[in-house]
Protein backbone atom coordinates (compact mmCIF):
# COMPACT_ATOMS: atom_id res chain seq x y z
CA MET A 1 -10.59 -29.63 -33.00
CA SER A 2 -7.53 -28.07 -33.65
CA GLU A 3 -3.87 -28.18 -31.95
CA PHE A 4 -4.42 -24.96 -30.25
CA LYS A 5 -8.12 -25.21 -29.19
CA THR A 6 -7.03 -28.25 -27.61
CA SER A 7 -3.99 -27.43 -25.71
CA ILE A 8 -6.23 -24.14 -24.48
CA GLN A 9 -8.97 -26.27 -22.79
CA THR A 10 -6.62 -28.50 -21.33
CA SER A 11 -4.59 -25.51 -19.62
CA TYR A 12 -7.19 -23.53 -18.49
CA GLY A 13 -9.91 -26.22 -18.00
CA PHE A 14 -9.83 -26.21 -14.59
CA SER A 15 -12.54 -27.20 -12.13
CA GLY A 16 -13.27 -25.39 -9.00
CA ASP A 17 -13.49 -21.62 -8.25
CA ALA A 18 -12.14 -18.85 -10.31
CA ILE A 19 -12.34 -15.62 -12.56
CA ASP A 20 -13.33 -15.22 -15.80
CA LEU A 21 -10.78 -12.86 -17.72
CA GLY A 22 -12.13 -13.67 -21.35
CA HIS A 23 -11.76 -15.87 -23.87
CA ALA A 24 -8.98 -16.99 -26.24
CA LEU A 25 -8.83 -15.41 -29.32
CA GLU A 26 -7.83 -17.47 -32.98
CA ASP A 27 -6.89 -14.95 -35.56
CA GLY A 28 -8.32 -11.80 -33.89
CA THR A 29 -11.54 -13.63 -33.17
CA PRO A 30 -12.80 -14.29 -29.39
CA LEU A 31 -13.71 -17.79 -29.04
CA GLY A 32 -16.84 -18.32 -27.02
CA ASP A 33 -16.25 -22.11 -26.22
CA LEU A 34 -12.66 -21.49 -25.32
CA PRO A 35 -12.95 -19.34 -21.86
CA ILE A 36 -9.87 -17.82 -19.81
CA ARG A 37 -10.17 -18.37 -16.22
CA ILE A 38 -8.11 -17.50 -13.07
CA PRO A 39 -7.78 -20.11 -10.18
CA LEU A 40 -9.35 -18.11 -6.65
CA ARG A 41 -6.76 -20.12 -4.65
CA MET A 42 -4.05 -18.72 -6.86
CA MET A 43 -5.36 -14.87 -6.27
CA ASN A 44 -2.41 -14.95 -3.53
CA ARG A 45 0.74 -16.04 -5.99
CA HIS A 46 0.42 -12.42 -7.11
CA GLY A 47 0.44 -11.14 -9.99
CA LEU A 48 1.43 -8.30 -13.22
CA ILE A 49 -0.78 -6.07 -14.98
CA ALA A 50 0.76 -4.16 -17.59
CA GLY A 51 0.47 -2.52 -20.54
CA SER A 52 0.58 0.77 -22.58
CA THR A 53 -1.35 3.96 -21.44
CA GLY A 54 -5.10 3.20 -22.73
CA THR A 55 -4.52 -0.57 -23.71
CA GLY A 56 -7.27 -1.30 -20.65
CA LYS A 57 -5.23 -2.23 -17.68
CA THR A 58 -7.56 -0.28 -15.52
CA ARG A 59 -10.75 -2.48 -16.56
CA THR A 60 -8.51 -5.33 -16.23
CA LEU A 61 -8.22 -4.33 -12.44
CA GLN A 62 -11.81 -3.48 -12.27
CA LEU A 63 -12.45 -6.85 -13.33
CA LEU A 64 -10.74 -8.99 -11.06
CA ALA A 65 -11.96 -6.62 -8.07
CA GLU A 66 -15.45 -7.82 -9.02
CA GLY A 67 -14.66 -11.49 -9.34
CA LEU A 68 -13.26 -11.28 -5.80
CA SER A 69 -15.92 -9.23 -4.63
CA ARG A 70 -18.88 -12.05 -5.76
CA HIS A 71 -15.91 -14.77 -4.32
CA GLY A 72 -16.38 -13.15 -0.93
CA VAL A 73 -13.11 -11.48 -0.88
CA PRO A 74 -12.22 -7.92 0.15
CA SER A 75 -9.98 -5.93 -2.15
CA PHE A 76 -8.04 -2.87 -1.94
CA VAL A 77 -7.05 -0.41 -4.89
CA ALA A 78 -5.58 2.97 -5.23
CA ASP A 79 -7.55 5.03 -7.71
CA VAL A 80 -5.14 7.35 -9.03
CA LYS A 81 -6.83 9.07 -11.42
CA GLY A 82 -10.71 9.04 -10.41
CA ASP A 83 -11.93 6.49 -12.99
CA LEU A 84 -12.22 2.98 -10.40
CA ALA A 85 -15.12 4.96 -8.38
CA GLY A 86 -17.72 3.63 -10.94
CA ILE A 87 -17.18 0.06 -9.35
CA SER A 88 -20.17 1.81 -6.61
CA GLU A 89 -22.26 1.70 -9.61
CA GLU A 90 -24.26 -0.52 -12.47
CA GLY A 91 -22.76 0.10 -15.81
CA PRO A 92 -24.62 0.90 -18.64
CA VAL A 93 -25.50 -1.03 -21.17
CA SER A 94 -25.15 0.06 -25.03
CA GLU A 95 -24.67 -1.45 -28.45
CA ARG A 96 -20.82 -1.74 -28.45
CA LEU A 97 -20.98 -3.07 -24.90
CA LEU A 98 -23.72 -5.45 -26.23
CA ALA A 99 -22.12 -6.72 -29.66
CA ARG A 100 -18.71 -7.74 -27.46
CA VAL A 101 -20.53 -9.87 -25.19
CA SER A 102 -22.79 -11.30 -27.46
CA SER A 103 -19.47 -12.17 -29.88
CA VAL A 104 -19.05 -14.87 -27.08
CA GLY A 105 -22.53 -16.02 -26.34
CA GLY A 106 -22.42 -14.08 -23.70
CA THR A 107 -25.42 -12.01 -21.99
CA PHE A 108 -24.24 -9.09 -19.93
CA GLN A 109 -25.47 -7.99 -16.39
CA PRO A 110 -24.96 -4.43 -14.83
CA GLN A 111 -24.10 -4.38 -11.00
CA ALA A 112 -22.77 -2.60 -8.97
CA PHE A 113 -20.54 -3.45 -6.14
CA PRO A 114 -19.75 -2.86 -2.12
CA VAL A 115 -17.43 -0.02 -2.16
CA GLU A 116 -15.41 2.09 0.56
CA PHE A 117 -13.58 5.04 -0.14
CA PHE A 118 -10.87 6.21 2.13
CA SER A 119 -8.31 8.95 1.12
CA LEU A 120 -5.12 10.13 2.36
CA SER A 121 -6.42 13.80 2.81
CA GLY A 122 -9.67 13.30 4.17
CA VAL A 123 -10.97 14.18 0.65
CA ASN A 124 -14.15 11.86 -0.76
CA GLY A 125 -12.85 9.93 1.43
CA THR A 126 -12.72 8.27 5.32
CA GLN A 127 -9.22 10.05 6.73
CA ILE A 128 -6.73 7.44 6.70
CA ARG A 129 -3.84 8.14 9.28
CA ALA A 130 -0.28 6.45 10.45
CA THR A 131 1.73 7.68 13.07
CA VAL A 132 5.08 8.40 12.67
CA SER A 133 6.74 5.94 14.72
CA SER A 134 4.81 2.67 12.94
CA PHE A 135 5.76 4.56 9.12
CA GLY A 136 9.39 4.14 10.63
CA PRO A 137 12.65 5.35 9.05
CA VAL A 138 13.00 3.41 5.94
CA LEU A 139 10.35 4.64 4.10
CA LEU A 140 9.83 8.50 5.54
CA GLY A 141 13.07 8.46 4.35
CA LYS A 142 11.82 8.28 1.18
CA VAL A 143 8.50 10.38 1.75
CA LEU A 144 11.14 13.10 2.60
CA ASP A 145 13.78 12.29 -0.53
CA LEU A 146 16.58 12.04 2.15
CA SER A 147 20.01 11.32 0.85
CA ASP A 148 21.65 8.53 2.38
CA THR A 149 23.33 10.37 5.08
CA GLN A 150 20.15 11.70 6.32
CA ARG A 151 18.14 8.55 6.09
CA SER A 152 20.83 7.42 8.79
CA VAL A 153 20.39 10.49 10.66
CA LEU A 154 16.60 9.78 10.91
CA ALA A 155 17.03 6.55 12.02
CA MET A 156 19.32 7.23 14.75
CA VAL A 157 16.62 9.64 15.65
CA PHE A 158 14.03 7.01 15.98
CA LYS A 159 16.25 4.33 17.83
CA TYR A 160 16.94 7.64 20.37
CA CYS A 161 12.85 7.90 20.77
CA ASP A 162 12.53 3.87 20.53
CA ASP A 163 14.82 3.99 23.89
CA ARG A 164 13.36 6.35 25.38
CA ALA A 165 9.64 5.41 24.85
CA LEU A 166 8.97 8.80 22.84
CA PRO A 167 6.09 8.21 20.76
CA LEU A 168 6.41 9.60 17.34
CA LEU A 169 2.64 10.14 16.56
CA ASP A 170 2.66 13.20 14.38
CA PHE A 171 5.49 15.45 12.58
CA LYS A 172 4.78 17.72 15.82
CA ASP A 173 6.52 15.37 17.57
CA LEU A 174 9.26 14.48 15.35
CA ARG A 175 10.44 17.94 14.98
CA ASP A 176 10.63 18.97 19.12
CA VAL A 177 12.91 15.87 18.91
CA LEU A 178 14.94 17.14 16.05
CA LEU A 179 15.00 20.53 17.81
CA TYR A 180 15.77 19.13 21.36
CA LEU A 181 18.70 16.90 19.96
CA GLY A 182 20.30 19.83 17.96
CA ASP A 183 20.28 21.70 21.24
CA GLN A 184 19.97 20.90 24.55
CA GLY A 185 19.75 17.34 24.61
CA LYS A 186 22.61 17.37 22.12
CA GLY A 187 25.09 14.96 24.12
CA GLU A 188 22.47 12.51 24.80
CA LEU A 189 23.59 11.11 21.11
CA LYS A 190 26.74 10.73 22.13
CA ALA A 191 25.93 6.53 22.37
CA TYR A 192 24.67 6.53 19.48
CA GLY A 193 26.64 9.10 16.81
CA ALA A 194 26.17 12.59 15.71
CA MET A 195 23.89 15.05 13.90
CA SER A 196 25.07 17.97 12.48
CA THR A 197 23.14 21.23 12.66
CA ALA A 198 22.74 21.44 8.73
CA THR A 199 21.35 17.70 8.51
CA MET A 200 18.76 18.80 11.37
CA GLY A 201 17.89 21.97 9.84
CA VAL A 202 17.61 19.94 6.17
CA LEU A 203 14.86 16.93 8.11
CA ILE A 204 13.06 19.81 9.02
CA ARG A 205 12.81 21.75 5.59
CA LYS A 206 11.46 18.80 3.90
CA MET A 207 8.73 17.77 7.01
CA VAL A 208 7.59 21.54 6.41
CA GLU A 209 7.52 21.26 2.44
CA LEU A 210 5.55 18.26 3.19
CA GLU A 211 3.39 19.87 5.62
CA GLN A 212 2.83 22.72 3.51
CA GLN A 213 1.40 20.24 0.64
CA GLY A 214 -1.27 19.11 3.47
CA ALA A 215 0.53 15.38 4.15
CA GLY A 216 0.55 16.31 7.48
CA ARG A 217 -2.85 15.37 7.87
CA PHE A 218 -2.14 12.49 7.54
CA PHE A 219 0.38 11.90 10.43
CA GLY A 220 -1.27 11.52 13.24
CA GLU A 221 -3.86 8.87 15.09
CA PRO A 222 -6.37 7.19 15.22
CA GLU A 223 -3.85 4.79 12.73
CA LEU A 224 -5.64 3.04 9.98
CA ASP A 225 -6.87 -0.67 11.56
CA ILE A 226 -5.76 -3.40 8.69
CA ASN A 227 -9.00 -5.04 9.91
CA ASP A 228 -11.74 -2.18 8.50
CA LEU A 229 -10.41 -3.36 5.18
CA MET A 230 -11.46 -7.15 5.36
CA ARG A 231 -15.13 -7.42 5.42
CA THR A 232 -17.65 -8.25 3.70
CA ALA A 233 -21.12 -6.70 2.93
CA GLY A 234 -24.00 -7.90 4.08
CA ASP A 235 -25.27 -10.13 1.10
CA GLY A 236 -21.40 -11.65 1.80
CA ARG A 237 -19.85 -9.96 -1.29
CA GLY A 238 -16.25 -8.89 -0.37
CA ILE A 239 -15.89 -5.46 -0.32
CA VAL A 240 -14.08 -3.13 -2.92
CA ASN A 241 -11.60 -0.45 -0.65
CA ILE A 242 -10.93 2.09 -3.05
CA LEU A 243 -8.05 4.69 -1.76
CA THR A 244 -8.94 8.27 -3.69
CA LEU A 245 -5.85 9.66 -4.64
CA ALA A 246 -6.67 12.49 -7.76
CA ASP A 247 -6.49 15.07 -4.72
CA VAL A 248 -2.77 13.72 -4.16
CA GLN A 249 -1.51 12.44 -7.60
CA ASP A 250 0.95 15.18 -7.57
CA ARG A 251 2.54 13.49 -4.61
CA PRO A 252 3.31 10.31 -5.82
CA ARG A 253 6.52 9.61 -3.35
CA LEU A 254 3.92 10.16 -0.56
CA TYR A 255 0.93 7.75 -1.66
CA SER A 256 3.35 5.12 -3.04
CA THR A 257 5.08 4.99 -0.35
CA PHE A 258 1.80 4.83 2.28
CA LEU A 259 0.89 1.53 -0.44
CA MET A 260 3.84 -0.18 1.08
CA TRP A 261 3.61 0.89 4.77
CA LEU A 262 0.00 -0.28 4.31
CA LEU A 263 1.28 -4.15 3.16
CA GLY A 264 3.93 -3.86 5.87
CA GLN A 265 1.02 -3.49 8.38
CA PHE A 266 -0.65 -7.09 6.92
CA TYR A 267 2.59 -8.67 6.57
CA TYR A 268 3.10 -8.04 10.92
CA GLY A 269 -0.46 -7.88 11.50
CA LEU A 270 -1.64 -11.12 10.03
CA PRO A 271 -0.60 -14.55 11.38
CA GLU A 272 0.45 -17.35 8.94
CA ALA A 273 -2.49 -18.88 6.85
CA GLY A 274 -1.33 -21.76 5.19
CA ASP A 275 -2.58 -22.81 1.42
CA LEU A 276 -5.87 -21.01 1.71
CA ASP A 277 -8.92 -22.32 -0.98
CA LYS A 278 -8.79 -18.01 -1.18
CA PRO A 279 -7.15 -15.12 -0.35
CA LYS A 280 -7.98 -13.19 2.51
CA LEU A 281 -7.44 -9.81 0.51
CA VAL A 282 -6.19 -8.81 -2.58
CA PHE A 283 -3.79 -6.05 -3.22
CA PHE A 284 -3.53 -3.91 -6.37
CA PHE A 285 -0.58 -1.87 -6.40
CA ASP A 286 -1.22 0.63 -8.94
CA GLU A 287 1.68 3.01 -10.91
CA ALA A 288 4.03 0.21 -9.35
CA HIS A 289 7.18 2.36 -10.60
CA LEU A 290 6.79 4.84 -8.21
CA LEU A 291 7.75 2.51 -5.46
CA PHE A 292 10.80 1.09 -6.97
CA ASP A 293 11.93 4.47 -8.72
CA ASP A 294 14.50 7.03 -6.95
CA SER A 295 14.23 3.52 -3.54
CA SER A 296 17.34 2.55 -2.20
CA SER A 297 18.83 -0.83 -2.82
CA ALA A 298 18.23 -1.69 1.25
CA LEU A 299 14.29 -0.58 0.50
CA VAL A 300 14.10 -2.81 -2.64
CA GLU A 301 15.41 -5.66 -1.01
CA HIS A 302 13.04 -5.34 1.62
CA ILE A 303 9.67 -4.95 -0.95
CA GLU A 304 11.30 -8.10 -2.31
CA GLN A 305 11.09 -10.08 0.85
CA VAL A 306 8.00 -8.87 2.06
CA ALA A 307 6.56 -9.94 -1.77
CA ARG A 308 8.05 -13.24 -1.30
CA LEU A 309 6.27 -13.98 1.92
CA ILE A 310 3.33 -12.48 2.43
CA ARG A 311 1.50 -14.95 0.13
CA SER A 312 1.64 -17.27 3.31
CA LYS A 313 -0.41 -14.37 5.18
CA GLY A 314 -3.18 -14.66 2.61
CA ILE A 315 -2.35 -11.40 1.05
CA GLY A 316 -2.49 -11.62 -2.57
CA VAL A 317 -0.47 -8.61 -4.30
CA PHE A 318 -0.93 -6.98 -8.24
CA PHE A 319 1.20 -5.01 -9.35
CA ILE A 320 -0.18 -2.09 -11.96
CA THR A 321 2.19 -0.74 -14.37
CA GLN A 322 3.48 -0.16 -18.03
CA THR A 323 5.91 -2.81 -18.11
CA PRO A 324 7.55 -5.08 -16.35
CA LYS A 325 10.49 -3.61 -16.71
CA ASP A 326 9.04 -1.22 -14.11
CA VAL A 327 9.29 -4.25 -11.35
CA SER A 328 12.32 -5.48 -9.70
CA GLU A 329 13.51 -8.85 -11.19
CA ALA A 330 13.43 -10.12 -7.58
CA VAL A 331 9.63 -9.58 -7.20
CA LEU A 332 8.55 -9.91 -11.19
CA ALA A 333 9.71 -14.14 -10.13
CA GLN A 334 6.74 -13.98 -7.15
CA LEU A 335 4.55 -13.15 -9.78
CA GLY A 336 3.03 -16.28 -11.15
CA ASN A 337 -0.02 -14.40 -12.49
CA ARG A 338 0.26 -12.30 -15.80
CA ILE A 339 -2.23 -10.56 -18.10
CA GLN A 340 0.03 -8.36 -20.28
CA HIS A 341 -1.63 -6.13 -22.63
CA ALA A 342 -0.48 -4.14 -25.63
CA PHE A 343 2.80 -2.67 -26.29
CA ARG A 344 3.49 0.18 -27.87
CA ALA A 345 6.68 0.40 -29.37
CA PHE A 346 7.68 3.86 -31.11
CA THR A 347 11.19 4.32 -29.65
CA PRO A 348 14.63 2.03 -29.75
CA THR A 349 14.33 2.23 -25.78
CA ASP A 350 10.67 1.02 -26.45
CA ALA A 351 11.95 -1.83 -28.85
CA LYS A 352 14.15 -2.58 -26.45
CA ASN A 353 11.88 -3.18 -23.29
CA LEU A 354 9.09 -4.88 -25.97
CA ARG A 355 11.98 -7.84 -25.93
CA ALA A 356 12.59 -8.02 -22.44
CA THR A 357 9.11 -8.11 -21.96
CA ALA A 358 8.39 -10.86 -24.12
CA SER A 359 11.48 -13.05 -22.68
CA THR A 360 9.54 -12.66 -19.05
CA PHE A 361 6.92 -14.88 -20.76
CA PRO A 362 6.50 -18.84 -21.09
CA ARG A 363 7.59 -20.15 -24.83
CA SER A 364 4.06 -20.75 -27.01
CA ASN A 365 4.04 -22.92 -29.67
CA PHE A 366 1.29 -21.04 -31.04
CA TYR A 367 1.94 -17.08 -31.17
CA LYS A 368 5.40 -14.86 -31.84
CA ILE A 369 5.36 -13.66 -27.95
CA ASP A 370 7.41 -10.32 -29.52
CA GLU A 371 5.03 -9.85 -32.29
CA MET A 372 1.53 -10.19 -30.45
CA LEU A 373 2.25 -7.76 -27.97
CA THR A 374 2.31 -5.28 -30.47
CA SER A 375 -0.47 -6.18 -32.46
CA LEU A 376 -3.09 -6.54 -29.16
CA GLY A 377 -6.11 -4.12 -29.41
CA THR A 378 -7.73 -2.38 -26.72
CA GLY A 379 -9.09 -4.65 -24.31
CA GLU A 380 -6.95 -7.46 -25.48
CA ALA A 381 -4.58 -9.11 -23.52
CA LEU A 382 -1.57 -12.37 -23.52
CA ILE A 383 -2.52 -14.32 -20.48
CA THR A 384 -0.55 -16.58 -18.24
CA VAL A 385 -1.29 -17.82 -14.81
CA LEU A 386 -1.12 -20.34 -11.95
CA ASN A 387 -3.75 -23.19 -12.39
CA PRO A 388 -4.76 -24.77 -9.40
CA LYS A 389 -1.87 -26.46 -9.19
CA GLY A 390 0.59 -24.18 -9.36
CA VAL A 391 1.64 -24.75 -12.75
CA PRO A 392 2.15 -21.85 -15.08
CA THR A 393 -0.57 -22.17 -18.15
CA GLU A 394 -0.36 -21.76 -21.93
CA THR A 395 0.37 -18.32 -23.02
CA VAL A 396 -3.05 -17.48 -24.60
CA ALA A 397 -4.27 -14.07 -26.30
CA ALA A 398 -7.57 -13.00 -24.90
CA GLN A 399 -10.52 -10.79 -25.49
CA ILE A 400 -10.95 -9.66 -21.66
CA CYS A 401 -14.27 -9.62 -20.42
CA ALA A 402 -16.44 -6.19 -20.00
CA PRO A 403 -16.58 -5.05 -16.16
CA SER A 404 -20.46 -5.30 -14.98
CA SER A 405 -19.51 -1.82 -13.73
CA LEU A 406 -19.10 1.90 -14.53
CA MET A 407 -16.10 1.72 -16.03
CA SER A 408 -15.70 5.35 -15.28
CA GLY A 409 -15.38 8.28 -12.13
CA ILE A 410 -18.72 9.48 -10.67
CA ALA A 411 -20.25 12.57 -9.52
CA PRO A 412 -17.66 14.37 -6.38
CA GLU A 413 -21.31 14.25 -4.19
CA ALA A 414 -22.15 10.67 -4.42
CA TYR A 415 -18.48 9.41 -2.79
CA GLY A 416 -20.13 11.51 0.41
CA ALA A 417 -23.13 9.46 0.01
CA ARG A 418 -21.18 6.47 -0.44
CA LEU A 419 -19.48 6.58 3.13
CA ASN A 420 -19.93 4.13 5.87
CA THR A 421 -20.92 6.58 8.65
CA LEU A 422 -19.41 4.00 11.37
CA THR A 423 -16.21 4.13 9.99
CA ALA A 424 -15.71 7.54 8.26
CA ALA A 425 -16.77 8.34 12.73
CA LYS A 426 -13.89 6.10 13.60
CA TYR A 427 -11.18 8.29 11.94
CA ARG A 428 -13.06 11.38 11.66
CA GLU A 429 -11.85 12.93 15.13
CA VAL A 430 -8.02 13.24 15.44
CA ILE A 431 -6.42 12.14 18.97
CA ASP A 432 -3.82 13.69 20.31
CA ARG A 433 -2.81 11.67 23.46
CA ASP A 434 0.71 12.55 24.79
CA SER A 435 3.62 11.67 22.96
CA ALA A 436 7.09 13.37 22.43
CA HIS A 437 5.67 16.71 21.77
CA GLU A 438 4.48 16.99 25.61
CA MET A 439 7.14 14.89 27.21
CA LEU A 440 9.52 16.59 25.98
CA LYS A 441 7.70 20.26 26.66
CA LYS A 442 7.28 18.50 30.90
CA LYS A 443 11.59 17.72 30.52
CA LEU A 444 12.06 21.06 29.85
CA SER A 445 9.68 22.83 31.86
CA ASP A 446 11.46 20.36 34.95
CA MET A 447 14.99 21.16 33.64
CA ALA A 448 14.28 25.12 33.99
CA ALA A 449 12.76 24.86 37.08
CA THR A 450 15.66 22.85 38.21
CA SER A 451 18.24 25.72 37.25
CA GLN A 452 16.00 28.26 38.76
CA GLN A 453 16.16 25.79 42.03
CA GLU A 454 19.92 26.21 41.93
CA GLU A 455 20.06 29.73 41.98
CA LYS A 456 18.26 30.58 44.90
CA PRO A 457 19.83 30.88 48.08
CA ALA A 458 20.73 27.13 49.80
CA PRO A 459 18.66 25.87 52.24
CA SER A 460 19.49 24.30 55.46
CA SER A 461 20.09 20.75 55.25
CA ARG A 462 16.82 20.05 56.32
CA SER A 463 15.29 22.13 54.14
CA ARG A 464 16.86 20.73 51.27
CA ARG A 465 16.02 17.10 52.70
CA GLU A 466 12.20 17.98 52.65
CA GLN A 467 12.91 19.15 49.47
CA LYS A 468 14.35 17.02 47.63
CA SER A 469 11.72 14.58 48.89
CA THR A 470 9.13 16.34 47.74
CA VAL A 471 10.25 16.82 44.21
CA GLY A 472 11.09 13.25 43.96
CA LYS A 473 8.20 12.15 44.58
CA VAL A 474 6.39 14.46 42.14
CA LEU A 475 8.41 13.29 39.27
CA ASP A 476 8.68 10.00 40.30
CA SER A 477 4.81 10.54 40.09
CA ARG A 478 5.20 12.03 36.96
CA MET A 479 8.00 9.28 35.45
CA ALA A 480 5.41 6.59 37.10
CA GLN A 481 2.47 7.70 35.20
CA ASN A 482 4.20 7.91 31.32
CA ALA A 483 5.63 4.61 32.16
CA ALA A 484 2.57 3.13 32.77
CA ARG A 485 0.44 5.33 30.12
CA GLN A 486 3.51 3.62 27.46
CA VAL A 487 3.49 -0.19 28.93
CA ALA A 488 -0.61 0.29 28.26
CA ARG A 489 0.21 1.44 24.63
CA THR A 490 2.84 -1.44 23.80
CA VAL A 491 2.90 -4.95 24.04
CA THR A 492 6.62 -4.96 25.13
CA GLN A 493 8.61 -2.64 26.66
CA GLN A 494 11.20 -2.67 23.78
CA ILE A 495 10.40 -1.58 20.55
CA MET A 496 10.86 -3.75 17.80
CA ARG A 497 10.89 -2.91 14.22
CA GLY A 498 10.80 -4.63 11.49
CA ILE A 499 12.45 -4.24 7.76
CA PHE A 500 10.96 -1.60 6.58
CA GLY A 501 11.69 -0.13 10.06
CA MET A 502 8.41 -0.02 11.03
CA LEU A 503 6.57 -1.23 14.29
CA LYS A 504 6.39 -4.89 14.86
CA ARG A 505 2.84 -5.50 16.13
């Protein structure tokens, strides 16, 4: 046996549950006796799927989601272009596919997988919502494309609402608070700082612009419960949760920031899990560069912290992008599993990125990494993963296995046919409970009534005492009702925000 085969077999010949990725290539030929696998228990050590457009990144993501489902692990994937929905249907058999599989001595078994469709707009999936309060000022500032000064003002407004138990559920609530603080409530901001009329106007205009794009439907209640993403089907397979984004792909700030919000929900909402035999869920973050583009240094620092710590909650995260340079170095250092598809270098900048990509791989005794990256074909990749002991495996070029499900989109009517009726019903109807909008409206009404009362002729001292007692009872009753509602909705009276400015549950 050659030194190459011995090294690869030693590196990838581990036992235990694993997901098949492909077969090692020797001189361009796939070797059926050298399967390349990733241990299931290492799937929460995070990973990267990279490569130029059209080299096979999406199909590798699909393959991993299928493998996780077979082992009873749910996953969450963002379907930007609509071509991951085919996971819900069996893949067709073709001569080309059979030839590819038979080249490594295998057989092809078409298979569909249990899928749940979600949507930010309610089109082709169950409507997903998040409250403005839980989204927080940091992430909302990114969605609105605010400057540093505008973000600091937004954070001040959130702090004001937190201190006064004013729930911000949708844009209507936030807009009313901004208008109030810019007029009647201006004096109440003295303890927090100042907000200019111009800044308030910018914030409201940005919100209106986002609402006109249809994003207003995303903010509100009922808010997504992460437990609805961590389910298995009746046959024990993990459900592949697909967020359909084809209808909002022109709003990358919205959906990329939502994905970060969702990761934060897992981070804050799940207990420490320790070292599990398999992850609770694996999160695939497609178009990862959108998360880091134009992000403040504070937000990038928060992303790095979540990537470092969420593994202990049993959650694995895979970033999918064109080059490792799209991901911050601190996050890249946390990604133990690497699947690098072909790199097409056509410009001086591409050549520079190629060298940077090659430098992130472990040294190889069998490849010149930079040369191999440019010579890989579609559906081939350089791979290094963590073995069951957490040690990086030998870097190997491999032919990636073909997914068992459909490698394309599905008909529009097929989405509706596959909606989980119970889950869809849970999130279908908007809940509009008392929040900042209603509370401020009531407050302004009381202020107006008080002002009118002061303009009337002064009543006798006895009459004033009776009136004060009556009004006091009404106000006390309203305050008590609001306080009771708020206490019932929160675990503690003091609202705590975490590293993203998001509510900590």
